[in-house]
N, C-alpha and C. Protein backbone atom coordinates (compact mmCIF):
# COMPACT_ATOMS: atom_id res chain seq x y z
N MET A 1 0.85 -1.16 0.00
CA MET A 1 0.00 0.00 0.00
C MET A 1 0.91 1.23 0.00
N GLN A 2 0.50 2.25 -0.68
CA GLN A 2 1.27 3.48 -0.75
C GLN A 2 1.31 4.16 0.61
N TRP A 3 2.38 4.89 0.87
CA TRP A 3 2.56 5.53 2.16
C TRP A 3 1.45 6.51 2.48
N TRP A 4 0.97 7.22 1.47
CA TRP A 4 -0.06 8.23 1.71
C TRP A 4 -1.41 7.62 2.07
N TRP A 5 -1.66 6.36 1.64
CA TRP A 5 -2.89 5.68 2.06
C TRP A 5 -2.86 5.42 3.56
N TRP A 6 -1.69 5.07 4.06
CA TRP A 6 -1.55 4.85 5.51
C TRP A 6 -1.80 6.15 6.28
N ILE A 7 -1.28 7.25 5.76
CA ILE A 7 -1.47 8.54 6.42
C ILE A 7 -2.96 8.91 6.42
N ILE A 8 -3.62 8.73 5.29
CA ILE A 8 -5.05 9.01 5.20
C ILE A 8 -5.82 8.13 6.18
N LEU A 9 -5.49 6.83 6.21
CA LEU A 9 -6.15 5.92 7.14
C LEU A 9 -5.94 6.36 8.59
N GLY A 10 -4.73 6.79 8.91
CA GLY A 10 -4.44 7.28 10.26
C GLY A 10 -5.25 8.50 10.61
N VAL A 11 -5.37 9.43 9.69
CA VAL A 11 -6.16 10.64 9.93
C VAL A 11 -7.64 10.28 10.11
N VAL A 12 -8.13 9.32 9.33
CA VAL A 12 -9.53 8.89 9.47
C VAL A 12 -9.75 8.29 10.86
N PHE A 13 -8.82 7.45 11.32
CA PHE A 13 -8.95 6.87 12.67
C PHE A 13 -8.91 7.95 13.74
N LEU A 14 -8.01 8.91 13.59
CA LEU A 14 -7.92 9.98 14.59
C LEU A 14 -9.18 10.85 14.58
N ALA A 15 -9.72 11.11 13.40
CA ALA A 15 -10.97 11.87 13.31
C ALA A 15 -12.13 11.09 13.91
N ALA A 16 -12.13 9.77 13.69
CA ALA A 16 -13.20 8.93 14.25
C ALA A 16 -13.18 8.96 15.77
N GLU A 17 -12.00 9.10 16.34
CA GLU A 17 -11.87 9.15 17.81
C GLU A 17 -12.65 10.33 18.38
N LEU A 18 -12.71 11.41 17.63
CA LEU A 18 -13.45 12.59 18.09
C LEU A 18 -14.95 12.33 18.19
N PHE A 19 -15.46 11.40 17.38
CA PHE A 19 -16.89 11.14 17.34
C PHE A 19 -17.30 9.88 18.10
N LEU A 20 -16.35 9.16 18.67
CA LEU A 20 -16.65 7.97 19.46
C LEU A 20 -16.47 8.33 20.93
N PRO A 21 -17.56 8.61 21.62
CA PRO A 21 -17.44 9.11 22.98
C PRO A 21 -16.85 8.10 23.95
N GLY A 22 -15.75 8.48 24.57
CA GLY A 22 -15.17 7.69 25.65
C GLY A 22 -14.48 6.41 25.28
N SER A 23 -14.37 6.09 24.00
CA SER A 23 -13.78 4.79 23.65
C SER A 23 -12.26 4.80 23.77
N PHE A 24 -11.61 5.81 23.22
CA PHE A 24 -10.16 5.94 23.22
C PHE A 24 -9.48 4.69 22.67
N VAL A 25 -10.00 4.18 21.55
CA VAL A 25 -9.45 3.00 20.88
C VAL A 25 -8.94 3.37 19.49
N ALA A 26 -9.74 4.09 18.74
CA ALA A 26 -9.38 4.46 17.37
C ALA A 26 -8.09 5.28 17.34
N PHE A 27 -7.80 5.99 18.42
CA PHE A 27 -6.58 6.78 18.52
C PHE A 27 -5.34 5.93 18.25
N PHE A 28 -5.29 4.74 18.85
CA PHE A 28 -4.12 3.88 18.72
C PHE A 28 -4.00 3.31 17.31
N PHE A 29 -5.12 3.02 16.67
CA PHE A 29 -5.08 2.56 15.29
C PHE A 29 -4.64 3.70 14.36
N GLY A 30 -5.06 4.92 14.68
CA GLY A 30 -4.62 6.07 13.90
C GLY A 30 -3.13 6.31 14.01
N ILE A 31 -2.61 6.22 15.21
CA ILE A 31 -1.17 6.40 15.41
C ILE A 31 -0.38 5.29 14.70
N ALA A 32 -0.88 4.05 14.80
CA ALA A 32 -0.21 2.93 14.13
C ALA A 32 -0.22 3.12 12.61
N ALA A 33 -1.32 3.61 12.07
CA ALA A 33 -1.40 3.82 10.61
C ALA A 33 -0.45 4.93 10.17
N ILE A 34 -0.38 6.00 10.94
CA ILE A 34 0.54 7.08 10.59
C ILE A 34 1.99 6.60 10.68
N CYS A 35 2.31 5.80 11.70
CA CYS A 35 3.66 5.22 11.80
C CYS A 35 3.96 4.34 10.59
N MET A 36 2.97 3.56 10.16
CA MET A 36 3.17 2.72 8.97
C MET A 36 3.38 3.57 7.74
N GLY A 37 2.69 4.70 7.64
CA GLY A 37 2.88 5.60 6.51
C GLY A 37 4.29 6.14 6.46
N VAL A 38 4.84 6.49 7.62
CA VAL A 38 6.21 6.99 7.68
C VAL A 38 7.19 5.88 7.31
N ILE A 39 7.01 4.70 7.89
CA ILE A 39 7.91 3.57 7.61
C ILE A 39 7.86 3.18 6.14
N THR A 40 6.66 3.13 5.58
CA THR A 40 6.51 2.78 4.17
C THR A 40 7.07 3.90 3.29
N GLY A 41 6.87 5.14 3.70
CA GLY A 41 7.35 6.28 2.92
C GLY A 41 8.86 6.35 2.79
N ILE A 42 9.58 5.92 3.82
CA ILE A 42 11.05 5.94 3.72
C ILE A 42 11.60 4.67 3.09
N GLY A 43 10.69 3.75 2.73
CA GLY A 43 11.09 2.57 1.97
C GLY A 43 11.62 1.40 2.78
N VAL A 44 11.34 1.36 4.07
CA VAL A 44 11.83 0.26 4.90
C VAL A 44 11.06 -1.03 4.61
N ILE A 45 9.75 -0.92 4.45
CA ILE A 45 8.91 -2.10 4.21
C ILE A 45 8.08 -1.88 2.96
N ASN A 46 8.14 -2.84 2.04
CA ASN A 46 7.36 -2.73 0.81
C ASN A 46 6.31 -3.82 0.68
N SER A 47 6.46 -4.91 1.41
CA SER A 47 5.53 -6.03 1.31
C SER A 47 4.21 -5.67 2.02
N LEU A 48 3.09 -5.85 1.30
CA LEU A 48 1.79 -5.46 1.84
C LEU A 48 1.41 -6.26 3.08
N TRP A 49 1.64 -7.56 3.06
CA TRP A 49 1.23 -8.38 4.22
C TRP A 49 2.06 -8.04 5.45
N ILE A 50 3.31 -7.67 5.28
CA ILE A 50 4.15 -7.27 6.42
C ILE A 50 3.68 -5.90 6.94
N GLN A 51 3.29 -5.03 6.03
CA GLN A 51 2.75 -3.73 6.46
C GLN A 51 1.52 -3.92 7.36
N TRP A 52 0.60 -4.79 6.91
CA TRP A 52 -0.61 -5.02 7.69
C TRP A 52 -0.30 -5.73 9.00
N LEU A 53 0.64 -6.62 8.98
CA LEU A 53 1.03 -7.32 10.20
C LEU A 53 1.63 -6.35 11.22
N ILE A 54 2.53 -5.50 10.77
CA ILE A 54 3.16 -4.53 11.68
C ILE A 54 2.12 -3.51 12.16
N PHE A 55 1.24 -3.05 11.27
CA PHE A 55 0.19 -2.12 11.65
C PHE A 55 -0.67 -2.73 12.75
N SER A 56 -1.11 -3.96 12.56
CA SER A 56 -1.96 -4.62 13.55
C SER A 56 -1.24 -4.80 14.88
N ALA A 57 0.00 -5.24 14.81
CA ALA A 57 0.77 -5.47 16.03
C ALA A 57 0.99 -4.17 16.80
N VAL A 58 1.37 -3.11 16.11
CA VAL A 58 1.61 -1.83 16.78
C VAL A 58 0.32 -1.29 17.39
N ALA A 59 -0.78 -1.39 16.66
CA ALA A 59 -2.06 -0.89 17.16
C ALA A 59 -2.50 -1.66 18.41
N ILE A 60 -2.41 -2.97 18.36
CA ILE A 60 -2.87 -3.78 19.49
C ILE A 60 -1.94 -3.64 20.69
N ILE A 61 -0.65 -3.64 20.47
CA ILE A 61 0.30 -3.53 21.59
C ILE A 61 0.17 -2.17 22.27
N THR A 62 0.09 -1.09 21.48
CA THR A 62 -0.05 0.23 22.10
C THR A 62 -1.41 0.35 22.80
N LEU A 63 -2.43 -0.25 22.23
CA LEU A 63 -3.75 -0.22 22.86
C LEU A 63 -3.72 -0.92 24.21
N LEU A 64 -3.09 -2.10 24.26
CA LEU A 64 -3.05 -2.87 25.50
C LEU A 64 -2.21 -2.22 26.59
N PHE A 65 -1.09 -1.63 26.21
CA PHE A 65 -0.17 -1.13 27.22
C PHE A 65 -0.26 0.38 27.50
N LEU A 66 -0.81 1.16 26.57
CA LEU A 66 -0.82 2.61 26.77
C LEU A 66 -2.20 3.21 27.02
N ARG A 67 -3.26 2.47 26.72
CA ARG A 67 -4.60 3.04 26.84
C ARG A 67 -4.92 3.46 28.26
N LYS A 68 -4.80 2.54 29.22
CA LYS A 68 -5.17 2.86 30.60
C LYS A 68 -4.28 3.95 31.21
N PRO A 69 -2.95 3.88 31.04
CA PRO A 69 -2.14 4.98 31.58
C PRO A 69 -2.47 6.34 30.97
N LEU A 70 -2.75 6.38 29.66
CA LEU A 70 -3.11 7.64 29.03
C LEU A 70 -4.47 8.13 29.50
N GLN A 71 -5.42 7.21 29.68
CA GLN A 71 -6.73 7.60 30.20
C GLN A 71 -6.60 8.20 31.59
N GLN A 72 -5.77 7.59 32.43
CA GLN A 72 -5.58 8.12 33.78
C GLN A 72 -4.89 9.47 33.72
N ARG A 73 -3.91 9.60 32.87
CA ARG A 73 -3.18 10.86 32.76
C ARG A 73 -4.09 11.97 32.24
N LEU A 74 -4.97 11.63 31.31
CA LEU A 74 -5.90 12.61 30.76
C LEU A 74 -7.18 12.70 31.59
N LYS A 75 -7.24 11.93 32.67
CA LYS A 75 -8.38 11.90 33.59
C LYS A 75 -9.67 11.50 32.89
N LEU A 76 -9.58 10.48 32.02
CA LEU A 76 -10.76 9.97 31.34
C LEU A 76 -11.40 8.82 32.10
N LEU A 77 -10.67 8.25 33.06
CA LEU A 77 -11.24 7.16 33.85
C LEU A 77 -11.96 7.74 35.05
N ASN A 78 -12.99 7.05 35.49
CA ASN A 78 -13.72 7.45 36.68
C ASN A 78 -12.90 7.12 37.91
N ASN A 79 -12.50 8.12 38.64
CA ASN A 79 -11.76 7.89 39.88
C ASN A 79 -12.74 7.88 41.04
N SER A 80 -12.40 7.16 42.08
CA SER A 80 -13.27 7.13 43.25
C SER A 80 -13.19 8.42 44.03
N ASN A 81 -12.24 9.28 43.73
CA ASN A 81 -12.10 10.54 44.44
C ASN A 81 -12.85 11.65 43.72
N ASN A 82 -14.12 11.42 43.39
CA ASN A 82 -14.88 12.47 42.73
C ASN A 82 -15.38 13.47 43.75
N THR A 83 -16.02 14.53 43.29
CA THR A 83 -16.38 15.62 44.19
C THR A 83 -17.41 15.21 45.23
N VAL A 84 -18.31 14.28 44.90
CA VAL A 84 -19.30 13.87 45.88
C VAL A 84 -18.63 13.18 47.06
N ASN A 85 -17.66 12.31 46.79
CA ASN A 85 -16.97 11.62 47.89
C ASN A 85 -16.12 12.58 48.71
N SER A 86 -15.78 13.72 48.16
CA SER A 86 -14.95 14.67 48.91
C SER A 86 -15.76 15.44 49.93
N PHE A 87 -17.07 15.26 49.99
CA PHE A 87 -17.91 15.93 50.98
C PHE A 87 -17.70 15.36 52.38
N ALA A 88 -17.21 14.16 52.49
CA ALA A 88 -17.05 13.53 53.81
C ALA A 88 -16.18 14.40 54.70
N GLY A 89 -16.66 14.61 55.93
CA GLY A 89 -15.93 15.41 56.89
C GLY A 89 -16.33 16.88 56.90
N GLU A 90 -17.10 17.32 55.91
CA GLU A 90 -17.51 18.72 55.86
C GLU A 90 -18.63 18.99 56.86
N ILE A 91 -18.79 20.25 57.19
CA ILE A 91 -19.81 20.67 58.14
C ILE A 91 -21.02 21.19 57.35
N ALA A 92 -22.21 20.75 57.75
CA ALA A 92 -23.45 21.16 57.10
C ALA A 92 -24.40 21.74 58.15
N LEU A 93 -25.35 22.54 57.69
CA LEU A 93 -26.34 23.16 58.55
C LEU A 93 -27.66 22.44 58.36
N VAL A 94 -28.30 22.05 59.46
CA VAL A 94 -29.60 21.38 59.40
C VAL A 94 -30.67 22.43 59.14
N ILE A 95 -31.44 22.28 58.06
CA ILE A 95 -32.49 23.24 57.72
C ILE A 95 -33.89 22.64 57.89
N GLU A 96 -33.95 21.34 58.16
CA GLU A 96 -35.21 20.67 58.48
C GLU A 96 -34.87 19.55 59.44
N ASP A 97 -35.63 19.42 60.52
CA ASP A 97 -35.32 18.40 61.53
C ASP A 97 -35.06 17.04 60.90
N ILE A 98 -34.06 16.35 61.45
CA ILE A 98 -33.76 14.98 61.01
C ILE A 98 -34.21 14.07 62.15
N PRO A 99 -35.38 13.42 61.99
CA PRO A 99 -35.89 12.56 63.08
C PRO A 99 -35.09 11.26 63.18
N VAL A 100 -35.28 10.57 64.29
CA VAL A 100 -34.65 9.26 64.46
C VAL A 100 -35.16 8.33 63.36
N ASN A 101 -34.27 7.69 62.66
CA ASN A 101 -34.59 6.80 61.54
C ASN A 101 -35.43 7.47 60.46
N GLY A 102 -35.30 8.78 60.33
CA GLY A 102 -36.07 9.51 59.33
C GLY A 102 -35.16 10.36 58.46
N ILE A 103 -35.79 11.09 57.56
CA ILE A 103 -35.05 11.93 56.63
C ILE A 103 -35.39 13.39 56.87
N GLY A 104 -34.36 14.23 56.91
CA GLY A 104 -34.53 15.67 57.03
C GLY A 104 -33.77 16.35 55.91
N ARG A 105 -33.47 17.65 56.09
CA ARG A 105 -32.76 18.39 55.05
C ARG A 105 -31.58 19.12 55.68
N ILE A 106 -30.49 19.18 54.92
CA ILE A 106 -29.32 19.95 55.33
C ILE A 106 -28.92 20.87 54.19
N GLU A 107 -28.12 21.86 54.54
CA GLU A 107 -27.54 22.72 53.52
C GLU A 107 -26.04 22.46 53.49
N LEU A 108 -25.54 22.08 52.33
CA LEU A 108 -24.13 21.73 52.16
C LEU A 108 -23.63 22.38 50.89
N ARG A 109 -22.61 23.22 51.02
CA ARG A 109 -22.03 23.93 49.88
C ARG A 109 -23.07 24.71 49.09
N GLY A 110 -24.02 25.30 49.81
CA GLY A 110 -25.02 26.14 49.18
C GLY A 110 -26.18 25.40 48.55
N SER A 111 -26.23 24.06 48.69
CA SER A 111 -27.33 23.28 48.13
C SER A 111 -28.04 22.53 49.23
N SER A 112 -29.30 22.27 48.99
CA SER A 112 -30.11 21.52 49.95
C SER A 112 -30.05 20.03 49.61
N TRP A 113 -29.82 19.21 50.64
CA TRP A 113 -29.70 17.77 50.47
C TRP A 113 -30.63 17.03 51.44
N SER A 114 -31.10 15.87 51.03
CA SER A 114 -31.79 14.97 51.96
C SER A 114 -30.73 14.38 52.87
N ALA A 115 -31.07 14.25 54.16
CA ALA A 115 -30.06 13.77 55.10
C ALA A 115 -30.68 12.78 56.09
N ARG A 116 -29.87 11.84 56.49
CA ARG A 116 -30.22 10.87 57.54
C ARG A 116 -29.13 10.90 58.58
N SER A 117 -29.50 10.57 59.82
CA SER A 117 -28.54 10.58 60.91
C SER A 117 -27.89 9.21 61.04
N LYS A 118 -26.56 9.20 61.16
CA LYS A 118 -25.82 7.95 61.41
C LYS A 118 -26.13 7.42 62.80
N ALA A 119 -26.23 8.33 63.75
CA ALA A 119 -26.56 7.94 65.12
C ALA A 119 -28.09 7.91 65.25
N ASN A 120 -28.57 7.18 66.19
CA ASN A 120 -30.02 7.12 66.40
C ASN A 120 -30.46 8.26 67.31
N ASP A 121 -30.26 9.48 66.86
CA ASP A 121 -30.71 10.63 67.61
C ASP A 121 -31.31 11.66 66.68
N ARG A 122 -32.17 12.50 67.23
CA ARG A 122 -32.84 13.56 66.47
C ARG A 122 -31.90 14.75 66.38
N ILE A 123 -31.84 15.33 65.18
CA ILE A 123 -31.01 16.53 64.99
C ILE A 123 -31.98 17.66 64.61
N VAL A 124 -31.93 18.76 65.35
CA VAL A 124 -32.89 19.84 65.18
C VAL A 124 -32.36 20.92 64.24
N VAL A 125 -33.31 21.70 63.72
CA VAL A 125 -33.01 22.80 62.81
C VAL A 125 -32.05 23.78 63.47
N GLY A 126 -31.09 24.27 62.69
CA GLY A 126 -30.16 25.28 63.16
C GLY A 126 -28.86 24.73 63.71
N THR A 127 -28.80 23.42 63.96
CA THR A 127 -27.55 22.85 64.45
C THR A 127 -26.66 22.47 63.28
N THR A 128 -25.41 22.31 63.58
CA THR A 128 -24.48 21.87 62.54
C THR A 128 -24.20 20.40 62.74
N CYS A 129 -23.84 19.75 61.64
CA CYS A 129 -23.52 18.33 61.68
C CYS A 129 -22.37 18.07 60.72
N GLN A 130 -21.79 16.91 60.85
CA GLN A 130 -20.66 16.55 60.00
C GLN A 130 -21.09 15.46 59.02
N VAL A 131 -20.69 15.61 57.78
CA VAL A 131 -21.02 14.64 56.74
C VAL A 131 -20.16 13.40 56.93
N GLU A 132 -20.81 12.25 57.00
CA GLU A 132 -20.11 10.96 57.12
C GLU A 132 -19.89 10.35 55.74
N SER A 133 -20.96 10.27 54.96
CA SER A 133 -20.87 9.66 53.63
C SER A 133 -22.08 10.10 52.81
N ILE A 134 -22.04 9.76 51.53
CA ILE A 134 -23.16 10.04 50.65
C ILE A 134 -23.57 8.74 49.97
N ASP A 135 -24.86 8.46 50.03
CA ASP A 135 -25.42 7.25 49.42
C ASP A 135 -26.48 7.70 48.42
N GLY A 136 -26.12 7.71 47.15
CA GLY A 136 -27.04 8.22 46.14
C GLY A 136 -27.21 9.71 46.32
N LEU A 137 -28.46 10.14 46.62
CA LEU A 137 -28.72 11.55 46.86
C LEU A 137 -28.99 11.83 48.34
N THR A 138 -28.71 10.89 49.19
CA THR A 138 -28.90 11.05 50.62
C THR A 138 -27.56 11.19 51.32
N VAL A 139 -27.46 12.23 52.15
CA VAL A 139 -26.24 12.47 52.91
C VAL A 139 -26.43 11.88 54.31
N TRP A 140 -25.47 11.08 54.73
CA TRP A 140 -25.47 10.53 56.09
C TRP A 140 -24.62 11.44 56.96
N VAL A 141 -25.21 11.91 58.05
CA VAL A 141 -24.53 12.88 58.91
C VAL A 141 -24.50 12.38 60.35
N LYS A 142 -23.64 13.03 61.13
CA LYS A 142 -23.60 12.81 62.57
C LYS A 142 -23.43 14.16 63.24
N THR A 143 -23.85 14.24 64.48
CA THR A 143 -23.71 15.52 65.20
C THR A 143 -22.25 15.70 65.56
N GLU A 144 -21.86 16.94 65.64
CA GLU A 144 -20.44 17.25 65.92
C GLU A 144 -20.07 16.95 67.35
């Protein structure tokens, strides 16, 4: 295959990456195709089956070994340290009584949240409490 076909194929793969949300797979095939275009262009490899073999090997090897580290570096993977989990330990204001084994309301970072008490005690309006954890849209709190 001519060197410029490899370059075109690489550009197509890289462009496809822009339209494939979150996959981060076509990128490696695009890079492998562009590398094959350069190698073929300088005349190192002329056999078509060897070109395809090297293209496939480079694409798969880079995909297997570089995808996850690049995703982490570019912060494309879901980390457990997201902003919701960072609420633990913060102080919130009770804006609606939290009854024993019931649900009340708190204000945390300027937003109103449903809240439950970790301890089996009633928390009254106007007191402050500490965020223990978040379960879905419910904040588990304890008195300070």
